[in-house]
Structures are given as structure tokens and as C-alpha cells.
Protein backbone atom coordinates (compact mmCIF):
# COMPACT_ATOMS: atom_id res chain seq x y z
CA MET A 1 25.74 -84.19 92.47
CA THR A 2 27.00 -81.27 94.50
CA ASN A 3 28.51 -78.06 93.21
CA THR A 4 31.99 -77.45 94.17
CA PRO A 5 33.20 -73.85 94.80
CA ARG A 6 35.12 -73.97 91.49
CA LYS A 7 32.04 -74.88 89.50
CA ARG A 8 29.94 -72.19 91.34
CA HIS A 9 32.52 -69.63 90.36
CA GLN A 10 32.28 -70.73 86.71
CA LEU A 11 28.49 -70.45 86.70
CA ASN A 12 28.65 -66.98 88.26
CA ARG A 13 31.05 -65.93 85.47
CA ARG A 14 28.74 -67.29 82.79
CA GLY A 15 25.67 -65.64 84.32
CA LYS A 16 27.46 -62.32 84.39
CA ARG A 17 28.40 -62.65 80.81
CA ALA A 18 24.86 -63.58 79.87
CA LEU A 19 23.49 -60.59 81.71
CA LEU A 20 26.05 -58.31 80.23
CA SER A 21 25.20 -59.54 76.73
CA LEU A 22 21.52 -59.11 77.35
CA ALA A 23 22.15 -55.61 78.69
CA VAL A 24 24.15 -54.68 75.68
CA THR A 25 21.41 -56.04 73.33
CA LEU A 26 18.71 -54.14 75.14
CA LEU A 27 20.89 -51.00 75.03
CA LEU A 28 21.41 -51.46 71.28
CA ILE A 29 17.65 -51.86 70.82
CA ILE A 30 16.92 -48.76 72.74
CA ILE A 31 19.62 -46.82 70.80
CA LEU A 32 18.21 -48.05 67.51
CA PHE A 33 14.66 -47.18 68.50
CA LYS A 34 15.65 -43.74 69.58
CA THR A 35 17.72 -43.23 66.48
CA GLY A 36 14.78 -44.22 64.23
CA SER A 37 12.47 -41.99 66.18
CA SER A 38 14.96 -39.12 65.83
CA THR A 39 15.29 -39.69 62.14
CA ARG A 40 11.50 -39.56 61.65
CA ASP A 41 11.42 -36.36 63.66
CA LEU A 42 14.11 -34.92 61.53
CA GLU A 43 12.30 -35.87 58.41
CA VAL A 44 9.11 -34.22 59.69
CA LYS A 45 11.05 -31.14 60.71
CA ASN A 46 12.74 -31.03 57.35
CA ALA A 47 9.38 -31.31 55.64
CA HIS A 48 8.07 -28.43 57.72
CA LEU A 49 11.18 -26.38 56.84
CA GLN A 50 10.78 -27.08 53.13
CA ASP A 51 7.06 -26.26 53.25
CA PRO A 52 6.58 -23.87 56.26
CA PRO A 53 3.20 -22.73 57.34
CA HIS A 54 3.61 -19.29 55.71
CA SER A 55 4.28 -20.87 52.28
CA ASN A 56 0.86 -19.83 51.00
CA MET A 57 1.61 -16.25 51.92
CA GLN A 58 5.01 -16.55 50.14
CA ASN A 59 3.28 -17.93 47.00
CA SER A 60 0.81 -15.02 47.12
CA GLN A 61 3.72 -12.59 47.45
CA ASP A 62 5.49 -14.28 44.60
CA LYS A 63 2.41 -14.01 42.43
CA GLN A 64 2.13 -10.31 43.31
CA MET A 65 5.74 -9.79 42.54
CA THR A 66 5.28 -11.63 39.14
CA THR A 67 2.09 -9.72 38.44
CA ALA A 68 3.57 -6.35 39.20
CA PRO A 69 6.27 -6.45 36.42
CA ASN A 70 3.59 -7.73 33.96
CA LYS A 71 1.42 -4.72 34.82
CA GLN A 72 4.37 -2.51 34.35
CA LYS A 73 5.15 -4.12 30.96
CA ASP A 74 1.47 -3.54 29.92
CA ARG A 75 1.64 0.03 30.91
CA LYS A 76 4.94 0.48 29.00
CA ALA A 77 3.43 -1.28 25.93
CA LYS A 78 0.43 1.02 26.00
CA LEU A 79 2.69 4.07 26.36
CA ASN A 80 4.86 2.92 23.51
CA SER A 81 1.73 2.18 21.37
CA ALA A 82 0.43 5.71 22.05
CA GLU A 83 3.84 7.28 21.29
CA SER A 84 4.10 5.25 18.14
CA THR A 85 0.61 6.38 17.00
CA ASN A 86 1.41 10.04 17.78
CA HIS A 87 4.72 9.64 15.84
CA GLU A 88 2.92 8.18 12.83
CA GLN A 89 0.31 10.96 12.85
CA LEU A 90 3.09 13.57 13.09
CA LEU A 91 4.93 11.96 10.14
CA SER A 92 1.71 11.86 8.13
CA LYS A 93 1.15 15.59 8.75
CA LEU A 94 4.70 16.37 7.84
CA ASN A 95 4.59 14.31 4.67
CA SER A 96 1.34 16.06 3.70
CA LYS A 97 2.92 19.45 4.22
CA MET A 98 6.04 18.38 2.35
CA LYS A 99 3.92 17.21 -0.64
CA ASP A 100 2.08 20.55 -0.59
CA ALA A 101 5.38 22.34 -0.44
CA VAL A 102 6.97 20.49 -3.38
CA LYS A 103 3.72 20.35 -5.44
CA PRO A 104 4.29 22.24 -8.73
CA LYS A 105 2.36 25.47 -9.02
CA THR A 106 -0.23 25.61 -11.74
CA ILE A 107 1.32 26.95 -14.91
CA HIS A 108 -0.11 27.86 -18.30
CA PRO A 109 0.61 25.44 -21.25
CA GLU A 110 3.65 26.50 -23.16
CA ILE A 111 3.28 28.74 -26.19
CA GLY A 112 5.88 28.49 -28.93
CA LYS A 113 7.73 25.43 -30.16
CA VAL A 114 5.73 22.98 -28.09
CA ALA A 115 2.92 20.71 -29.34
CA TYR A 116 0.62 18.69 -27.02
CA LEU A 117 -0.48 15.55 -28.82
CA THR A 118 -3.61 14.01 -27.36
CA PHE A 119 -5.33 10.72 -28.38
CA ASP A 120 -9.00 9.77 -27.51
CA ASP A 121 -11.04 6.60 -27.59
CA GLY A 122 -8.26 4.06 -27.06
CA PRO A 123 -6.63 1.81 -26.52
CA HIS A 124 -6.99 0.05 -29.88
CA THR A 125 -5.71 -3.48 -30.20
CA THR A 126 -3.49 -2.86 -33.18
CA ALA A 127 -3.43 0.92 -33.82
CA SER A 128 -2.15 1.80 -30.34
CA ASP A 129 0.91 -0.34 -30.73
CA GLU A 130 1.90 1.45 -33.89
CA ILE A 131 1.18 4.87 -32.43
CA LEU A 132 3.46 4.05 -29.46
CA ARG A 133 6.24 2.81 -31.67
CA LEU A 134 6.13 5.98 -33.80
CA LEU A 135 6.06 8.24 -30.70
CA ASP A 136 9.10 6.45 -29.38
CA LYS A 137 10.85 6.79 -32.73
CA TYR A 138 10.46 10.54 -32.84
CA HIS A 139 11.11 11.11 -29.10
CA ALA A 140 7.51 12.34 -28.70
CA LYS A 141 5.41 12.26 -25.58
CA ALA A 142 1.66 12.30 -25.70
CA THR A 143 -1.48 12.15 -23.54
CA PHE A 144 -4.07 9.35 -23.90
CA PHE A 145 -7.70 9.96 -22.87
CA MET A 146 -9.11 6.37 -22.85
CA LEU A 147 -12.35 4.56 -22.50
CA GLU A 148 -12.68 2.18 -19.62
CA PRO A 149 -13.83 -0.98 -21.63
CA HIS A 150 -10.99 -0.56 -24.04
CA MET A 151 -8.49 -0.22 -21.26
CA MET A 152 -9.66 -3.44 -19.62
CA GLN A 153 -9.35 -5.26 -23.03
CA ASN A 154 -5.86 -3.88 -23.62
CA GLN A 155 -4.20 -3.61 -20.24
CA ASN A 156 -0.69 -4.28 -21.48
CA ILE A 157 -0.99 -1.32 -23.88
CA VAL A 158 -2.03 0.95 -20.97
CA LYS A 159 1.01 -0.21 -18.94
CA ARG A 160 3.26 0.41 -21.87
CA MET A 161 2.00 3.99 -22.22
CA VAL A 162 3.01 4.66 -18.58
CA ASP A 163 6.27 2.83 -18.88
CA ASN A 164 7.06 4.93 -21.97
CA GLY A 165 6.60 8.19 -20.09
CA HIS A 166 3.25 9.21 -21.59
CA THR A 167 0.43 10.69 -19.56
CA VAL A 168 -2.86 8.79 -19.11
CA GLY A 169 -6.31 10.23 -18.59
CA VAL A 170 -9.87 9.05 -18.99
CA HIS A 171 -12.66 9.62 -21.60
CA GLY A 172 -15.47 7.88 -19.68
CA VAL A 173 -17.10 4.46 -20.12
CA THR A 174 -19.87 4.58 -22.64
CA HIS A 175 -19.08 7.51 -24.91
CA SER A 176 -22.90 7.79 -25.20
CA VAL A 177 -24.47 11.21 -24.97
CA SER A 178 -27.71 9.73 -23.68
CA LYS A 179 -25.94 7.83 -20.87
CA ILE A 180 -22.94 9.92 -19.69
CA TYR A 181 -24.82 13.21 -19.83
CA GLN A 182 -27.91 12.09 -17.95
CA SER A 183 -26.80 14.13 -14.98
CA PRO A 184 -23.65 15.56 -13.38
CA GLU A 185 -23.56 12.43 -11.14
CA SER A 186 -23.68 10.06 -14.16
CA PHE A 187 -20.82 12.00 -15.78
CA THR A 188 -18.58 11.87 -12.74
CA HIS A 189 -19.53 8.27 -12.06
CA GLU A 190 -18.32 7.16 -15.47
CA MET A 191 -15.06 9.18 -15.05
CA LYS A 192 -14.38 7.74 -11.57
CA GLN A 193 -14.90 4.21 -12.87
CA ALA A 194 -12.38 4.77 -15.64
CA ILE A 195 -9.93 6.38 -13.25
CA GLN A 196 -10.18 3.45 -10.88
CA SER A 197 -9.41 1.11 -13.78
CA ILE A 198 -6.26 3.07 -14.65
CA LYS A 199 -5.17 2.87 -11.07
CA LYS A 200 -5.82 -0.87 -10.94
CA ILE A 201 -3.92 -1.51 -14.18
CA THR A 202 -0.92 0.88 -13.70
CA GLY A 203 -0.98 2.20 -10.15
CA VAL A 204 -1.29 5.74 -11.49
CA GLU A 205 -4.03 7.88 -9.93
CA THR A 206 -4.90 10.32 -12.67
CA HIS A 207 -7.25 13.28 -12.44
CA LEU A 208 -7.19 14.18 -16.13
CA ILE A 209 -10.48 13.77 -18.01
CA ARG A 210 -11.86 14.66 -21.43
CA ALA A 211 -15.65 14.88 -22.01
CA PRO A 212 -16.94 12.85 -24.96
CA TYR A 213 -17.53 15.24 -27.88
CA GLY A 214 -16.02 18.05 -25.94
CA SER A 215 -17.24 20.19 -23.09
CA VAL A 216 -19.61 22.39 -25.13
CA PRO A 217 -22.58 22.25 -24.85
CA TYR A 218 -22.64 19.47 -22.28
CA ILE A 219 -20.58 20.74 -19.35
CA THR A 220 -22.91 23.19 -17.77
CA PRO A 221 -22.12 24.97 -14.47
CA ALA A 222 -23.74 22.07 -12.59
CA TYR A 223 -21.45 19.64 -14.34
CA LYS A 224 -18.41 21.94 -13.71
CA LYS A 225 -19.25 22.05 -10.02
CA ALA A 226 -19.49 18.21 -9.82
CA ILE A 227 -16.16 17.93 -11.64
CA ASP A 228 -14.46 20.40 -9.37
CA LYS A 229 -15.82 18.65 -6.37
CA GLU A 230 -14.11 15.34 -7.53
CA LYS A 231 -10.93 17.31 -8.21
CA MET A 232 -10.94 16.27 -11.86
CA ILE A 233 -9.12 18.32 -14.48
CA LEU A 234 -11.11 18.73 -17.70
CA TRP A 235 -9.21 19.25 -21.01
CA ASP A 236 -10.50 20.20 -24.41
CA TRP A 237 -8.36 21.01 -27.48
CA ASN A 238 -7.82 23.81 -29.94
CA ILE A 239 -6.60 21.87 -32.99
CA ASP A 240 -9.02 19.27 -34.31
CA SER A 241 -7.56 16.80 -36.80
CA GLU A 242 -11.02 15.26 -37.62
CA ASP A 243 -8.99 12.14 -38.33
CA TRP A 244 -12.04 10.05 -37.37
CA LYS A 245 -13.85 11.34 -40.38
CA VAL A 246 -11.45 10.28 -43.13
CA ALA A 247 -9.87 7.16 -44.49
CA ASN A 248 -6.67 8.83 -45.83
CA SER A 249 -3.91 11.18 -44.79
CA SER A 250 -5.86 14.40 -45.34
CA PHE A 251 -6.11 15.02 -41.59
CA VAL A 252 -2.38 15.57 -41.47
CA GLN A 253 -2.48 18.60 -43.74
CA LYS A 254 -5.39 19.92 -41.73
CA VAL A 255 -3.33 19.76 -38.55
CA MET A 256 -0.28 21.29 -40.14
CA GLN A 257 -2.34 24.29 -41.31
CA GLN A 258 -3.85 24.90 -37.87
CA VAL A 259 -0.45 24.56 -36.21
CA HIS A 260 0.90 27.26 -38.62
CA ASN A 261 -2.05 29.57 -37.80
CA LEU A 262 -1.85 29.29 -34.02
CA SER A 263 1.96 28.89 -33.50
CA GLY A 264 3.37 31.59 -31.24
CA ASN A 265 -0.06 32.89 -30.27
CA ARG A 266 -1.75 30.01 -28.42
CA PRO A 267 -0.82 26.68 -26.98
CA LEU A 268 -1.09 23.83 -29.43
CA VAL A 269 -3.32 21.07 -28.08
CA ILE A 270 -3.92 18.58 -30.98
CA LEU A 271 -6.83 16.15 -31.00
CA LEU A 272 -6.27 12.77 -32.54
CA HIS A 273 -7.75 9.25 -32.07
CA GLU A 274 -6.36 5.86 -31.53
CA LYS A 275 -7.58 4.49 -34.82
CA PRO A 276 -5.92 2.43 -37.61
CA ASN A 277 -6.10 5.26 -40.15
CA THR A 278 -4.49 7.69 -37.72
CA ALA A 279 -1.78 5.18 -36.94
CA ALA A 280 -1.14 4.68 -40.67
CA HIS A 281 -0.36 8.33 -41.31
CA LEU A 282 0.84 9.61 -37.99
CA GLU A 283 4.52 9.45 -39.03
CA LYS A 284 3.98 12.21 -41.60
CA LEU A 285 2.69 14.56 -38.85
CA LEU A 286 5.46 13.66 -36.53
CA GLN A 287 8.13 14.37 -39.24
CA TYR A 288 6.56 17.75 -39.85
CA LEU A 289 6.55 18.75 -36.22
CA GLN A 290 10.06 17.62 -35.54
CA ALA A 291 11.42 19.20 -38.70
CA SER A 292 9.74 22.42 -37.70
CA GLY A 293 11.49 22.37 -34.32
CA TYR A 294 8.50 21.50 -32.16
CA GLU A 295 8.97 19.51 -28.99
CA MET A 296 6.13 17.13 -28.42
CA LYS A 297 5.19 17.06 -24.75
CA ALA A 298 2.67 15.20 -22.58
CA ILE A 299 0.12 17.16 -20.46
CA GLN A 300 0.79 17.27 -16.77
CA GLU A 301 -1.73 17.81 -13.96
CA TYR A 302 -0.12 21.11 -12.88
CA ILE A 303 -0.74 22.65 -16.34
CA ARG A 304 -3.85 24.88 -16.57
CA PRO A 305 -6.22 23.08 -18.99
CA ILE A 306 -7.43 24.31 -22.36
CA GLN A 307 -11.13 24.40 -22.35
CA PHE A 308 -13.82 25.64 -24.81
CA ARG A 309 -15.34 29.00 -24.08
């Protein structure tokens, strides 16, 4: 079968179309290949841009920039701490000077219509309650020189003394001549122990002490030196009720007579004891003092103490 010119023309047209289609396909493949390659290049370039070669240096710089403010903060904190310490020290010195400035000057005990009631050897479980009740009834203030074991056994009474406006002092621990007067050190040791107990019970730091059986003959110059070193204030008395000797009210008359003899000439520092017999007859003495115009006051640490000569 022979090809006619018409048929040859149709074949040529089909061949051209096939070639054109093939060329387009190849072109698309090339374009797609190049596009993919470009995309990968872009991704690599973007990765390099996001994490450039100098990123380590940048991180180091960032760390340095972060560390620098921290060091500045540390320096500021140290400076603030030093300033705060200096400020606190300055305030402490100022407070100390202010306390010294407002501290009452030492004065002599009052002479005249003032009586200083003092009670030794307490607290007593029952007698002290009655004594405090009577003092409150007659608007009287007193000073209590207490033994450490008795304080520990009757802590509520000690607190009540302070709450009622009375003055608290110490009388030692043992009340035994052979123990407390072994040496100046044994004496001050007992007193310090009792003082610490008062502070623990009430928060009051007292310096008032009374020597068992009085300062004579036990408080020698060596004892006095030890007492002064500890900044303790030793008190004796000049009116002795001797209430511990009797089982009746006779001690009241004895006190009244001594008050009459000393009134207007010397301060009146009356020695009593926290004992049931004293509590039972104390009201009679308080009535006498009040009716005679005496104000019953508590001893204060700024008052010059009465001591035996």
C-alpha cells in the first residue's frame, strides 16, 4: 500500500504534535527538577541564615550580657547589705545613747510618808495569793525577793506580781549559809540562776538582790566586788518585823513601833516574809499605814539601796 500525499501530510502533522508534546514534557521535567533544586538550596540557605556560623559567638556574647547584669545585681546586693548593717549598727548605738539619756538618775529612797514593804522567801502556794489580794485592796505596792525553787513551783504567782505592778527581785536558790556563802562566785551564781528564772517566767530582767540573813557579816569586800561586777543591786532593810518567829499578830505592833521611831528621819524599808502567819495578819499593818497617811511603794532599780553598815 502506497502513501498518498494527503496521508503523508497527516503523518507529518502527527509527528510534529508528538515531538511538541515530548518537548513540553521534557521542559516540564527540567523545570520541576530545577525548581526542586532551588527549593532545597533555599532551605539550606535559610538554615544557614537561621543558624549562621557566628552563632556561637553570639551565644557567648548573650551569656556575657546576661552575666554582666547578674554581677551588677550581686554588687548592688552586697552594697545594700553593707549599708543595712551599717544602718542597724548606727540605730543600735543611737538606741543605747537614748536609753542612757532617759535612764533615771540614782536617787535616795524617800523619807517621810512613804513605806517600802519587802517580802522574802516566797512565793508561797497559799500565803502569796492572800498577800497580793490585800496589797491590791489597799492600793499598796511591794517588792518581793524570791527563792528560785519557789518561783519555779509558783510561776503564776510570780507573773501576777509583775502584772499587778510590784517589783520582783531574788533571794538566791538554797538559802543555806554553808552553800551560798562558800565563795563570792557561789553567791553570784545562785543570784544569777534566780535572776534567769524570773526572766524566763516574766520577761523581766531584774538586778535587785537580797542576801539570805542580810549582808552582815557575809558580804565582805570580795563579795561586794563580785556583786558590783555583775551589776547587781543589794538591798537590806531597817525595820525587821521578825514575823518568821511568831505565830500571832505581835509582829504588827513591832513594825508599827519602828515606823513611829524612824518616820521623818530615815527611809522605811520593812522586812516581811511570804508566810501564812504574815498573810493572816498583814491587813492590820496595811490599815495602820494607810490610816497614818503612808504611801506604800515598790523599790525601783534607780533608788540607792539601804544596806547594813
